[in-house]
Amino acid sequence: MMWHGPTIDPARGVAAAVLDAFEAARSAGLLSVACYRAGVAAWRRIHRDHAVEYAAKQAVAVILAAKVSLRVDQ
């Protein structure tokens, strides 16, 4: 099984807003949970019609796709 990553381009649109909010919170020295909440809030500002749970899943997926890399040693 191969994982290809999310279909959301982290350099454009809502993804960029999510990452900017996340980074601003990190730069302010906030706790990790507050940084993720800032990303979710950015998503919800753009997509007001999305449910909180859906917005949270999408925003966190964007953040993780941009910030986390997994390496499997064989």
N, C-alpha and C. Protein backbone atom coordinates (compact mmCIF):
# COMPACT_ATOMS: atom_id res chain seq x y z
N MET A 1 0.84 -1.17 0.00
CA MET A 1 0.00 0.00 0.00
C MET A 1 0.89 1.24 0.00
N MET A 2 0.53 2.20 -0.80
CA MET A 2 1.32 3.41 -0.91
C MET A 2 0.46 4.62 -0.54
N TRP A 3 1.03 5.52 0.22
CA TRP A 3 0.31 6.72 0.61
C TRP A 3 0.82 7.86 -0.23
N HIS A 4 -0.09 8.60 -0.85
CA HIS A 4 0.29 9.67 -1.74
C HIS A 4 0.09 11.05 -1.15
N GLY A 5 -0.44 11.15 0.03
CA GLY A 5 -0.62 12.44 0.67
C GLY A 5 -1.95 13.08 0.33
N PRO A 6 -2.19 14.23 0.92
CA PRO A 6 -3.47 14.90 0.72
C PRO A 6 -3.58 15.52 -0.67
N THR A 7 -4.80 15.82 -1.06
CA THR A 7 -5.02 16.46 -2.35
C THR A 7 -5.05 17.97 -2.22
N ILE A 8 -4.93 18.48 -1.01
CA ILE A 8 -4.95 19.92 -0.78
C ILE A 8 -3.54 20.46 -0.97
N ASP A 9 -3.39 21.44 -1.85
CA ASP A 9 -2.09 22.05 -2.09
C ASP A 9 -1.77 23.02 -0.96
N PRO A 10 -0.73 22.73 -0.15
CA PRO A 10 -0.44 23.58 1.00
C PRO A 10 0.08 24.97 0.64
N ALA A 11 0.35 25.22 -0.61
CA ALA A 11 0.87 26.53 -0.99
C ALA A 11 -0.22 27.48 -1.47
N ARG A 12 -1.47 27.02 -1.52
CA ARG A 12 -2.52 27.84 -2.11
C ARG A 12 -3.75 27.93 -1.21
N GLY A 13 -4.47 29.03 -1.36
CA GLY A 13 -5.79 29.21 -0.76
C GLY A 13 -5.88 28.97 0.72
N VAL A 14 -6.88 28.18 1.06
CA VAL A 14 -7.17 27.93 2.47
C VAL A 14 -6.00 27.26 3.17
N ALA A 15 -5.28 26.40 2.47
CA ALA A 15 -4.15 25.72 3.09
C ALA A 15 -3.08 26.73 3.51
N ALA A 16 -2.83 27.71 2.67
CA ALA A 16 -1.84 28.74 3.01
C ALA A 16 -2.29 29.52 4.24
N ALA A 17 -3.57 29.82 4.33
CA ALA A 17 -4.10 30.54 5.49
C ALA A 17 -3.95 29.71 6.76
N VAL A 18 -4.22 28.42 6.65
CA VAL A 18 -4.08 27.52 7.80
C VAL A 18 -2.63 27.48 8.26
N LEU A 19 -1.72 27.32 7.33
CA LEU A 19 -0.29 27.24 7.69
C LEU A 19 0.22 28.57 8.24
N ASP A 20 -0.24 29.67 7.68
CA ASP A 20 0.16 30.99 8.19
C ASP A 20 -0.31 31.18 9.63
N ALA A 21 -1.55 30.79 9.91
CA ALA A 21 -2.08 30.91 11.27
C ALA A 21 -1.32 30.01 12.24
N PHE A 22 -1.03 28.80 11.81
CA PHE A 22 -0.28 27.85 12.63
C PHE A 22 1.11 28.41 12.95
N GLU A 23 1.80 28.91 11.94
CA GLU A 23 3.15 29.44 12.13
C GLU A 23 3.14 30.71 13.00
N ALA A 24 2.13 31.55 12.84
CA ALA A 24 2.04 32.75 13.67
C ALA A 24 1.88 32.37 15.13
N ALA A 25 1.08 31.36 15.39
CA ALA A 25 0.88 30.89 16.76
C ALA A 25 2.17 30.29 17.32
N ARG A 26 2.89 29.54 16.49
CA ARG A 26 4.16 28.96 16.93
C ARG A 26 5.17 30.05 17.24
N SER A 27 5.21 31.06 16.37
CA SER A 27 6.15 32.18 16.58
C SER A 27 5.84 32.95 17.85
N ALA A 28 4.57 32.97 18.22
CA ALA A 28 4.16 33.65 19.45
C ALA A 28 4.46 32.82 20.69
N GLY A 29 4.96 31.60 20.49
CA GLY A 29 5.33 30.75 21.62
C GLY A 29 4.16 30.04 22.28
N LEU A 30 3.06 29.93 21.56
CA LEU A 30 1.89 29.26 22.13
C LEU A 30 2.09 27.75 22.19
N LEU A 31 1.30 27.10 23.03
CA LEU A 31 1.34 25.64 23.12
C LEU A 31 0.90 25.02 21.80
N SER A 32 1.31 23.79 21.55
CA SER A 32 0.97 23.11 20.29
C SER A 32 -0.53 23.09 20.04
N VAL A 33 -1.31 22.82 21.06
CA VAL A 33 -2.76 22.74 20.88
C VAL A 33 -3.32 24.08 20.41
N ALA A 34 -2.78 25.16 20.91
CA ALA A 34 -3.23 26.49 20.49
C ALA A 34 -2.83 26.76 19.04
N CYS A 35 -1.69 26.25 18.63
CA CYS A 35 -1.24 26.42 17.25
C CYS A 35 -2.18 25.69 16.29
N TYR A 36 -2.56 24.46 16.64
CA TYR A 36 -3.50 23.71 15.80
C TYR A 36 -4.86 24.39 15.80
N ARG A 37 -5.29 24.89 16.94
CA ARG A 37 -6.58 25.60 17.00
C ARG A 37 -6.58 26.84 16.12
N ALA A 38 -5.44 27.52 16.03
CA ALA A 38 -5.33 28.69 15.15
C ALA A 38 -5.51 28.27 13.69
N GLY A 39 -4.94 27.13 13.34
CA GLY A 39 -5.12 26.62 11.98
C GLY A 39 -6.56 26.27 11.69
N VAL A 40 -7.22 25.65 12.64
CA VAL A 40 -8.63 25.30 12.48
C VAL A 40 -9.48 26.57 12.36
N ALA A 41 -9.17 27.56 13.17
CA ALA A 41 -9.91 28.82 13.10
C ALA A 41 -9.75 29.48 11.74
N ALA A 42 -8.56 29.39 11.17
CA ALA A 42 -8.33 29.95 9.83
C ALA A 42 -9.17 29.22 8.79
N TRP A 43 -9.24 27.90 8.90
CA TRP A 43 -10.07 27.12 7.98
C TRP A 43 -11.53 27.55 8.09
N ARG A 44 -11.99 27.69 9.33
CA ARG A 44 -13.40 28.04 9.56
C ARG A 44 -13.74 29.46 9.12
N ARG A 45 -12.78 30.37 9.16
CA ARG A 45 -13.03 31.73 8.67
C ARG A 45 -13.31 31.72 7.17
N ILE A 46 -12.64 30.83 6.45
CA ILE A 46 -12.82 30.75 5.01
C ILE A 46 -14.03 29.88 4.65
N HIS A 47 -14.21 28.80 5.39
CA HIS A 47 -15.31 27.86 5.12
C HIS A 47 -16.28 27.88 6.30
N ARG A 48 -17.06 28.91 6.40
CA ARG A 48 -18.00 29.07 7.52
C ARG A 48 -19.08 27.99 7.54
N ASP A 49 -19.34 27.37 6.40
CA ASP A 49 -20.38 26.36 6.32
C ASP A 49 -19.91 24.97 6.76
N HIS A 50 -18.62 24.80 6.99
CA HIS A 50 -18.11 23.49 7.38
C HIS A 50 -18.33 23.25 8.88
N ALA A 51 -18.67 22.03 9.21
CA ALA A 51 -18.81 21.64 10.61
C ALA A 51 -17.45 21.74 11.31
N VAL A 52 -17.48 21.97 12.59
CA VAL A 52 -16.24 22.12 13.36
C VAL A 52 -15.37 20.88 13.23
N GLU A 53 -15.96 19.71 13.35
CA GLU A 53 -15.18 18.47 13.28
C GLU A 53 -14.52 18.31 11.91
N TYR A 54 -15.26 18.58 10.85
CA TYR A 54 -14.71 18.47 9.51
C TYR A 54 -13.58 19.48 9.31
N ALA A 55 -13.82 20.71 9.73
CA ALA A 55 -12.81 21.76 9.60
C ALA A 55 -11.53 21.38 10.35
N ALA A 56 -11.70 20.83 11.53
CA ALA A 56 -10.54 20.42 12.32
C ALA A 56 -9.75 19.33 11.61
N LYS A 57 -10.44 18.34 11.07
CA LYS A 57 -9.75 17.25 10.36
C LYS A 57 -8.98 17.78 9.16
N GLN A 58 -9.61 18.67 8.41
CA GLN A 58 -8.98 19.21 7.21
C GLN A 58 -7.77 20.08 7.57
N ALA A 59 -7.94 20.96 8.54
CA ALA A 59 -6.84 21.85 8.92
C ALA A 59 -5.66 21.07 9.47
N VAL A 60 -5.92 20.10 10.32
CA VAL A 60 -4.84 19.30 10.88
C VAL A 60 -4.15 18.49 9.79
N ALA A 61 -4.91 17.98 8.83
CA ALA A 61 -4.31 17.25 7.71
C ALA A 61 -3.37 18.15 6.92
N VAL A 62 -3.76 19.38 6.69
CA VAL A 62 -2.90 20.34 5.98
C VAL A 62 -1.62 20.59 6.76
N ILE A 63 -1.76 20.83 8.06
CA ILE A 63 -0.59 21.11 8.90
C ILE A 63 0.35 19.92 8.93
N LEU A 64 -0.19 18.74 9.14
CA LEU A 64 0.67 17.56 9.21
C LEU A 64 1.34 17.27 7.88
N ALA A 65 0.64 17.47 6.78
CA ALA A 65 1.21 17.23 5.45
C ALA A 65 2.39 18.17 5.20
N ALA A 66 2.30 19.37 5.70
CA ALA A 66 3.35 20.35 5.47
C ALA A 66 4.50 20.25 6.47
N LYS A 67 4.22 19.79 7.67
CA LYS A 67 5.20 19.86 8.74
C LYS A 67 5.82 18.52 9.16
N VAL A 68 5.20 17.42 8.80
CA VAL A 68 5.67 16.12 9.27
C VAL A 68 6.10 15.28 8.09
N SER A 69 7.25 14.66 8.24
CA SER A 69 7.67 13.70 7.23
C SER A 69 8.02 12.40 7.94
N LEU A 70 7.57 11.33 7.39
CA LEU A 70 7.82 10.02 7.97
C LEU A 70 8.84 9.28 7.13
N ARG A 71 9.77 8.63 7.79
CA ARG A 71 10.77 7.86 7.09
C ARG A 71 10.76 6.46 7.66
N VAL A 72 10.70 5.49 6.80
CA VAL A 72 10.70 4.10 7.23
C VAL A 72 12.03 3.50 6.84
N ASP A 73 12.80 3.08 7.84
CA ASP A 73 14.09 2.44 7.58
C ASP A 73 13.84 0.96 7.30
N GLN A 74 14.52 0.47 6.30
CA GLN A 74 14.32 -0.95 5.95
C GLN A 74 15.53 -1.76 6.24
